[in-house]
Amino acid sequence: MNKLKEFLIEEIKEYEWDKIDGVIKSIIPNIIFTVDKNESAPSLLSSRFGGKPATPVDFDWPIQTLGQKAPLAFFFQLNFAEIKPFDIENKFPDKGILLCFASVTDDIMWEYDAPDAFKTYFFTDTENLILSDIPNNIPDEQRLSSKTINFKSCFQLPFYPFNYTLSDQGLISEDDADGIDEVAGEILSEAIHFQMRTKKTTKTSLISPTPKNELYRVLSCNMLLGVPFSVQDAIAEKWAEKHHNTNDLRENYVNLISFEMKGHEGYGFNANGAHLYLCLDKEDLENGNLNNITAIVQNT
């Protein structure tokens, strides 16, 4: 059993539950990621923020249709061949490159339901891609430095709304569903506090804190699959309303990638705690169709 999952199970056992076996069985895998602090050489197929995108030779750089009608800035790319070893339940395609571009002019990316604030492309054929030059009219501050993304298999509790779906199915009680939210929240709080203390000590001569266990590694805002941490409303519900015009289909939701866009850390255009969520329909993912991605932005 994965050591992080063992730590999560031990934490669960510290609390009282109606159906503890159901709570333990509810643990789901996800993939968390970190971004290198230092700039890296933009290799063609690497998963990374910034640099030049890997595109077909005849690729047309995306243009936003609102505001200044300027080219979108290249944000990041994911290589699913690199992700596959961490995909415990074999959800993702075996290969392919996903590109994400972002609009960063006229605050369009913050407009509600802006149709072209983000643009994604999925290329299944990676044999004939090239590093595409960034258009000259994209300002320097919108050209992110190339920084490698590193992945890691992980686990989490399926908090709201999915914990209540388990309650409806009789796998856990409603009180257990409430408890999952509480425990997940406590673990997240502890993880955030530890990470903040660690960052503070790296800027001073203080000794780095010692974690009481490995749970601080379990929860992250930067993740693929699983249930992302929403800044405001539940992402599954927002996606269902946007994609299906009803939140009754929120169980069809898949978190493709979610992360905090921290400009000062070098992998975003924003420094105020905004989070980006790229969402998929479960059926599309099962069919290997990554062309119907919905982008949702929430701000702190």
Protein backbone atom coordinates (compact mmCIF):
# COMPACT_ATOMS: atom_id res chain seq x y z
CA MET A 1 0.00 0.00 0.00
CA ASN A 2 1.20 3.51 -0.77
CA LYS A 3 2.74 5.09 2.34
CA LEU A 4 0.76 8.31 1.93
CA LYS A 5 -2.47 6.32 1.77
CA GLU A 6 -1.44 4.54 4.98
CA PHE A 7 -0.93 7.90 6.71
CA LEU A 8 -4.36 9.02 5.52
CA ILE A 9 -5.99 5.84 6.84
CA GLU A 10 -4.26 6.27 10.22
CA GLU A 11 -5.57 9.85 10.38
CA ILE A 12 -9.10 8.62 9.60
CA LYS A 13 -8.89 6.09 12.45
CA GLU A 14 -8.33 8.95 14.91
CA TYR A 15 -11.99 9.95 14.49
CA GLU A 16 -15.30 8.28 15.22
CA TRP A 17 -17.32 7.10 12.21
CA ASP A 18 -20.57 5.25 11.63
CA LYS A 19 -19.08 3.20 8.77
CA ILE A 20 -15.30 3.48 9.00
CA ASP A 21 -14.76 0.79 6.36
CA GLY A 22 -16.84 2.85 3.93
CA VAL A 23 -14.86 5.99 4.74
CA ILE A 24 -11.55 4.19 4.14
CA LYS A 25 -12.85 2.69 0.88
CA SER A 26 -13.89 6.18 -0.24
CA ILE A 27 -10.24 7.32 -0.47
CA ILE A 28 -9.47 8.14 -4.09
CA PRO A 29 -6.18 8.58 -5.97
CA ASN A 30 -5.12 11.82 -7.59
CA ILE A 31 -1.90 13.24 -8.99
CA ILE A 32 -0.28 16.25 -7.37
CA PHE A 33 2.42 18.32 -9.02
CA THR A 34 5.13 20.81 -8.24
CA VAL A 35 6.90 23.29 -10.48
CA ASP A 36 10.67 23.71 -10.53
CA LYS A 37 11.78 26.99 -8.98
CA ASN A 38 14.54 27.45 -11.51
CA GLU A 39 14.10 28.04 -15.21
CA SER A 40 14.74 24.98 -17.36
CA ALA A 41 15.64 24.45 -20.99
CA PRO A 42 12.31 24.08 -22.86
CA SER A 43 12.61 20.54 -24.21
CA LEU A 44 10.04 19.81 -26.88
CA LEU A 45 7.74 17.33 -25.14
CA SER A 46 8.30 18.09 -21.44
CA SER A 47 5.39 18.93 -19.15
CA ARG A 48 6.04 22.53 -18.18
CA PHE A 49 4.79 26.04 -17.65
CA GLY A 50 6.02 28.61 -20.14
CA GLY A 51 8.66 28.52 -22.82
CA LYS A 52 7.56 27.69 -26.36
CA PRO A 53 4.67 25.29 -27.03
CA ALA A 54 5.05 21.98 -28.87
CA THR A 55 2.75 22.30 -31.90
CA PRO A 56 2.22 20.88 -35.39
CA VAL A 57 4.09 22.72 -38.15
CA ASP A 58 0.87 24.29 -39.49
CA PHE A 59 -0.38 25.44 -36.06
CA ASP A 60 -2.34 28.72 -36.03
CA TRP A 61 -1.60 30.66 -32.85
CA PRO A 62 -4.91 31.36 -31.00
CA ILE A 63 -6.30 34.91 -31.06
CA GLN A 64 -8.84 36.21 -28.55
CA THR A 65 -12.01 37.55 -30.15
CA LEU A 66 -12.69 40.13 -27.44
CA GLY A 67 -10.91 43.35 -26.48
CA GLN A 68 -7.69 43.98 -28.37
CA LYS A 69 -7.99 40.74 -30.37
CA ALA A 70 -4.43 39.98 -29.33
CA PRO A 71 -2.68 36.58 -29.43
CA LEU A 72 -3.22 34.49 -26.33
CA ALA A 73 -0.16 33.85 -24.18
CA PHE A 74 1.16 30.29 -23.94
CA PHE A 75 0.51 29.02 -20.43
CA PHE A 76 1.50 25.36 -20.05
CA GLN A 77 1.64 21.94 -21.64
CA LEU A 78 1.08 18.44 -20.26
CA ASN A 79 2.66 15.31 -21.70
CA PHE A 80 0.44 12.33 -20.81
CA ALA A 81 3.26 9.88 -21.46
CA GLU A 82 5.06 11.52 -18.51
CA ILE A 83 1.89 11.51 -16.40
CA LYS A 84 0.96 7.86 -17.07
CA PRO A 85 3.23 6.27 -14.43
CA PHE A 86 1.38 8.25 -11.74
CA ASP A 87 -2.11 7.52 -13.09
CA ILE A 88 -3.08 4.74 -10.65
CA GLU A 89 -6.55 4.08 -12.09
CA ASN A 90 -5.46 4.43 -15.74
CA LYS A 91 -7.79 7.37 -16.42
CA PHE A 92 -5.65 9.38 -18.83
CA PRO A 93 -4.54 8.63 -22.41
CA ASP A 94 -1.24 6.78 -22.74
CA LYS A 95 0.23 9.61 -24.78
CA GLY A 96 -0.53 13.03 -26.23
CA ILE A 97 0.28 16.66 -25.55
CA LEU A 98 -2.24 19.12 -24.08
CA LEU A 99 -1.57 22.84 -24.57
CA CYS A 100 -3.23 25.66 -22.64
CA PHE A 101 -3.19 29.31 -23.74
CA ALA A 102 -4.52 32.22 -21.69
CA SER A 103 -5.88 35.68 -22.43
CA VAL A 104 -4.14 38.26 -20.27
CA THR A 105 -5.20 41.57 -21.82
CA ASP A 106 -8.10 43.78 -20.75
CA ASP A 107 -8.76 41.45 -17.80
CA ILE A 108 -10.67 39.19 -20.18
CA MET A 109 -9.53 36.09 -18.33
CA TRP A 110 -11.48 37.33 -15.30
CA GLU A 111 -14.74 38.02 -17.14
CA TYR A 112 -17.53 35.64 -16.27
CA ASP A 113 -17.97 32.98 -18.96
CA ALA A 114 -15.61 34.75 -21.39
CA PRO A 115 -15.64 32.31 -24.33
CA ASP A 116 -11.98 32.63 -25.18
CA ALA A 117 -10.21 33.49 -21.92
CA PHE A 118 -8.50 30.09 -22.23
CA LYS A 119 -7.89 27.88 -25.23
CA THR A 120 -6.73 24.26 -25.10
CA TYR A 121 -5.43 21.90 -27.79
CA PHE A 122 -4.81 18.17 -27.60
CA PHE A 123 -2.41 16.50 -30.03
CA THR A 124 -2.37 12.69 -30.00
CA ASP A 125 0.48 12.56 -32.54
CA THR A 126 3.64 13.74 -30.78
CA GLU A 127 6.08 12.53 -33.42
CA ASN A 128 5.87 15.57 -35.67
CA LEU A 129 5.64 18.50 -33.25
CA ILE A 130 7.99 21.48 -33.21
CA LEU A 131 8.73 24.31 -30.77
CA SER A 132 6.51 27.12 -32.02
CA ASP A 133 7.86 30.67 -31.89
CA ILE A 134 5.94 33.10 -29.67
CA PRO A 135 4.36 36.00 -31.67
CA ASN A 136 6.30 39.25 -31.45
CA ASN A 137 3.27 41.22 -30.25
CA ILE A 138 2.96 39.25 -27.00
CA PRO A 139 4.52 41.47 -24.29
CA ASP A 140 7.57 40.20 -22.40
CA GLU A 141 5.64 40.05 -19.09
CA GLN A 142 3.25 37.55 -20.71
CA ARG A 143 6.05 35.22 -21.77
CA LEU A 144 6.48 32.76 -18.93
CA SER A 145 9.88 31.27 -18.27
CA SER A 146 10.06 27.55 -18.97
CA LYS A 147 9.73 25.61 -15.70
CA THR A 148 9.39 21.85 -15.51
CA ILE A 149 6.32 20.23 -13.91
CA ASN A 150 6.96 17.21 -11.66
CA PHE A 151 4.20 14.71 -10.83
CA LYS A 152 3.52 12.40 -7.90
CA SER A 153 0.82 9.82 -7.16
CA CYS A 154 -1.28 10.73 -4.15
CA PHE A 155 -4.61 10.13 -2.39
CA GLN A 156 -7.42 12.14 -0.83
CA LEU A 157 -10.87 11.98 0.71
CA PRO A 158 -13.65 12.76 -1.80
CA PHE A 159 -15.16 15.74 -0.02
CA TYR A 160 -18.16 17.81 -1.20
CA PRO A 161 -20.13 17.07 -3.30
CA PHE A 162 -18.88 13.53 -3.90
CA ASN A 163 -18.87 12.49 -0.24
CA TYR A 164 -22.63 13.09 -0.13
CA THR A 165 -23.08 10.97 -3.25
CA LEU A 166 -21.48 8.13 -1.30
CA SER A 167 -23.94 8.83 1.51
CA ASP A 168 -26.87 8.67 -0.93
CA GLN A 169 -25.56 5.29 -2.09
CA GLY A 170 -25.48 4.01 1.49
CA LEU A 171 -21.71 3.44 1.50
CA ILE A 172 -21.29 5.92 4.35
CA SER A 173 -23.72 7.78 6.62
CA GLU A 174 -24.62 11.44 6.25
CA ASP A 175 -22.68 12.14 9.44
CA ASP A 176 -19.69 10.39 7.88
CA ALA A 177 -20.04 12.62 4.82
CA ASP A 178 -19.97 15.68 7.09
CA GLY A 179 -16.96 14.22 8.88
CA ILE A 180 -15.03 13.72 5.63
CA ASP A 181 -15.29 17.44 4.93
CA GLU A 182 -14.07 18.23 8.45
CA VAL A 183 -11.10 15.86 8.33
CA ALA A 184 -10.09 16.95 4.84
CA GLY A 185 -10.29 20.56 5.99
CA GLU A 186 -8.11 19.89 9.03
CA ILE A 187 -5.49 18.09 6.95
CA LEU A 188 -5.49 20.92 4.42
CA SER A 189 -5.12 23.53 7.17
CA GLU A 190 -2.20 21.66 8.70
CA ALA A 191 -0.56 21.23 5.29
CA ILE A 192 -0.91 24.93 4.49
CA HIS A 193 0.51 25.98 7.87
CA PHE A 194 3.47 23.63 7.51
CA GLN A 195 4.20 24.84 3.98
CA MET A 196 3.99 28.47 5.10
CA ARG A 197 6.39 27.82 7.98
CA THR A 198 8.76 26.05 5.63
CA LYS A 199 8.75 28.96 3.17
CA LYS A 200 9.36 31.41 5.98
CA THR A 201 12.39 29.51 7.27
CA THR A 202 13.95 29.33 3.80
CA LYS A 203 14.05 33.14 3.78
CA THR A 204 15.61 33.36 7.25
CA SER A 205 18.21 31.54 9.31
CA LEU A 206 15.54 29.66 11.27
CA ILE A 207 15.59 25.87 11.37
CA SER A 208 13.03 24.26 9.07
CA PRO A 209 10.00 22.80 10.89
CA THR A 210 9.65 19.05 11.26
CA PRO A 211 6.27 17.64 10.20
CA LYS A 212 4.48 15.38 12.67
CA ASN A 213 3.70 13.01 9.77
CA GLU A 214 3.62 12.88 5.99
CA LEU A 215 0.05 14.16 5.63
CA TYR A 216 1.28 17.59 4.58
CA ARG A 217 2.28 15.91 1.30
CA VAL A 218 -1.22 14.52 0.69
CA LEU A 219 -3.11 17.72 0.02
CA SER A 220 -2.21 20.27 -2.61
CA CYS A 221 -4.04 22.90 -4.63
CA ASN A 222 -2.04 21.72 -7.64
CA MET A 223 -3.52 18.44 -8.80
CA LEU A 224 -4.85 16.28 -11.62
CA LEU A 225 -7.88 14.04 -11.14
CA GLY A 226 -9.43 13.77 -7.68
CA VAL A 227 -11.60 16.53 -6.22
CA PRO A 228 -9.97 19.97 -6.38
CA PHE A 229 -10.07 22.53 -3.60
CA SER A 230 -12.52 25.21 -4.63
CA VAL A 231 -11.92 28.82 -3.64
CA GLN A 232 -15.63 29.62 -3.84
CA ASP A 233 -18.40 27.31 -5.12
CA ALA A 234 -17.90 23.58 -5.70
CA ILE A 235 -16.17 23.16 -9.06
CA ALA A 236 -18.16 20.06 -10.00
CA GLU A 237 -21.41 22.01 -9.65
CA LYS A 238 -20.11 25.06 -11.52
CA TRP A 239 -18.86 22.82 -14.33
CA ALA A 240 -22.17 20.92 -14.57
CA GLU A 241 -24.13 24.18 -14.78
CA LYS A 242 -21.77 25.53 -17.43
CA HIS A 243 -21.34 22.33 -19.46
CA HIS A 244 -24.73 20.63 -18.99
CA ASN A 245 -26.93 23.58 -17.89
CA THR A 246 -27.79 21.67 -14.71
CA ASN A 247 -25.84 20.61 -11.62
CA ASP A 248 -27.71 17.28 -11.57
CA LEU A 249 -24.87 15.88 -13.72
CA ARG A 250 -22.09 16.98 -11.38
CA GLU A 251 -21.12 13.30 -10.87
CA ASN A 252 -19.90 13.29 -14.51
CA TYR A 253 -17.20 15.82 -13.58
CA VAL A 254 -13.48 15.07 -13.95
CA ASN A 255 -10.74 17.36 -12.70
CA LEU A 256 -8.24 17.46 -15.56
CA ILE A 257 -5.96 19.94 -13.80
CA SER A 258 -6.40 22.56 -11.09
CA PHE A 259 -3.84 24.89 -9.61
CA GLU A 260 -3.19 28.24 -8.00
CA MET A 261 -1.94 30.76 -10.56
CA LYS A 262 0.86 32.40 -8.57
CA GLY A 263 2.64 34.87 -10.78
CA HIS A 264 5.34 35.54 -8.20
CA GLU A 265 6.24 31.84 -8.25
CA GLY A 266 6.71 31.93 -11.99
CA TYR A 267 3.90 29.75 -13.33
CA GLY A 268 1.02 32.14 -13.76
CA PHE A 269 0.01 35.63 -14.71
CA ASN A 270 -1.64 36.50 -11.42
CA ALA A 271 -0.42 37.02 -7.87
CA ASN A 272 -3.72 37.35 -5.97
CA GLY A 273 -4.51 33.70 -5.36
CA ALA A 274 -6.68 32.98 -8.40
CA HIS A 275 -7.20 29.29 -9.20
CA LEU A 276 -7.71 27.76 -12.63
CA TYR A 277 -9.70 24.55 -13.10
CA LEU A 278 -9.78 22.70 -16.43
CA CYS A 279 -12.74 20.32 -16.33
CA LEU A 280 -13.84 17.34 -18.43
CA ASP A 281 -16.88 15.14 -18.83
CA LYS A 282 -16.21 11.59 -17.56
CA GLU A 283 -17.51 10.12 -20.82
CA ASP A 284 -15.19 12.30 -22.91
CA LEU A 285 -12.19 11.22 -20.86
CA GLU A 286 -13.16 7.55 -21.16
CA ASN A 287 -13.29 8.01 -24.95
CA GLY A 288 -9.94 9.79 -25.03
CA ASN A 289 -11.62 13.01 -26.16
CA LEU A 290 -9.84 16.00 -24.62
CA ASN A 291 -11.36 18.55 -26.98
CA ASN A 292 -14.31 19.57 -24.80
CA ILE A 293 -12.44 21.10 -21.86
CA THR A 294 -14.22 23.73 -19.77
CA ALA A 295 -12.17 26.37 -17.95
CA ILE A 296 -13.32 27.84 -14.63
CA VAL A 297 -11.50 30.58 -12.70
CA GLN A 298 -12.16 31.37 -9.05
CA ASN A 299 -10.55 34.22 -7.15
CA THR A 300 -9.81 34.61 -3.47
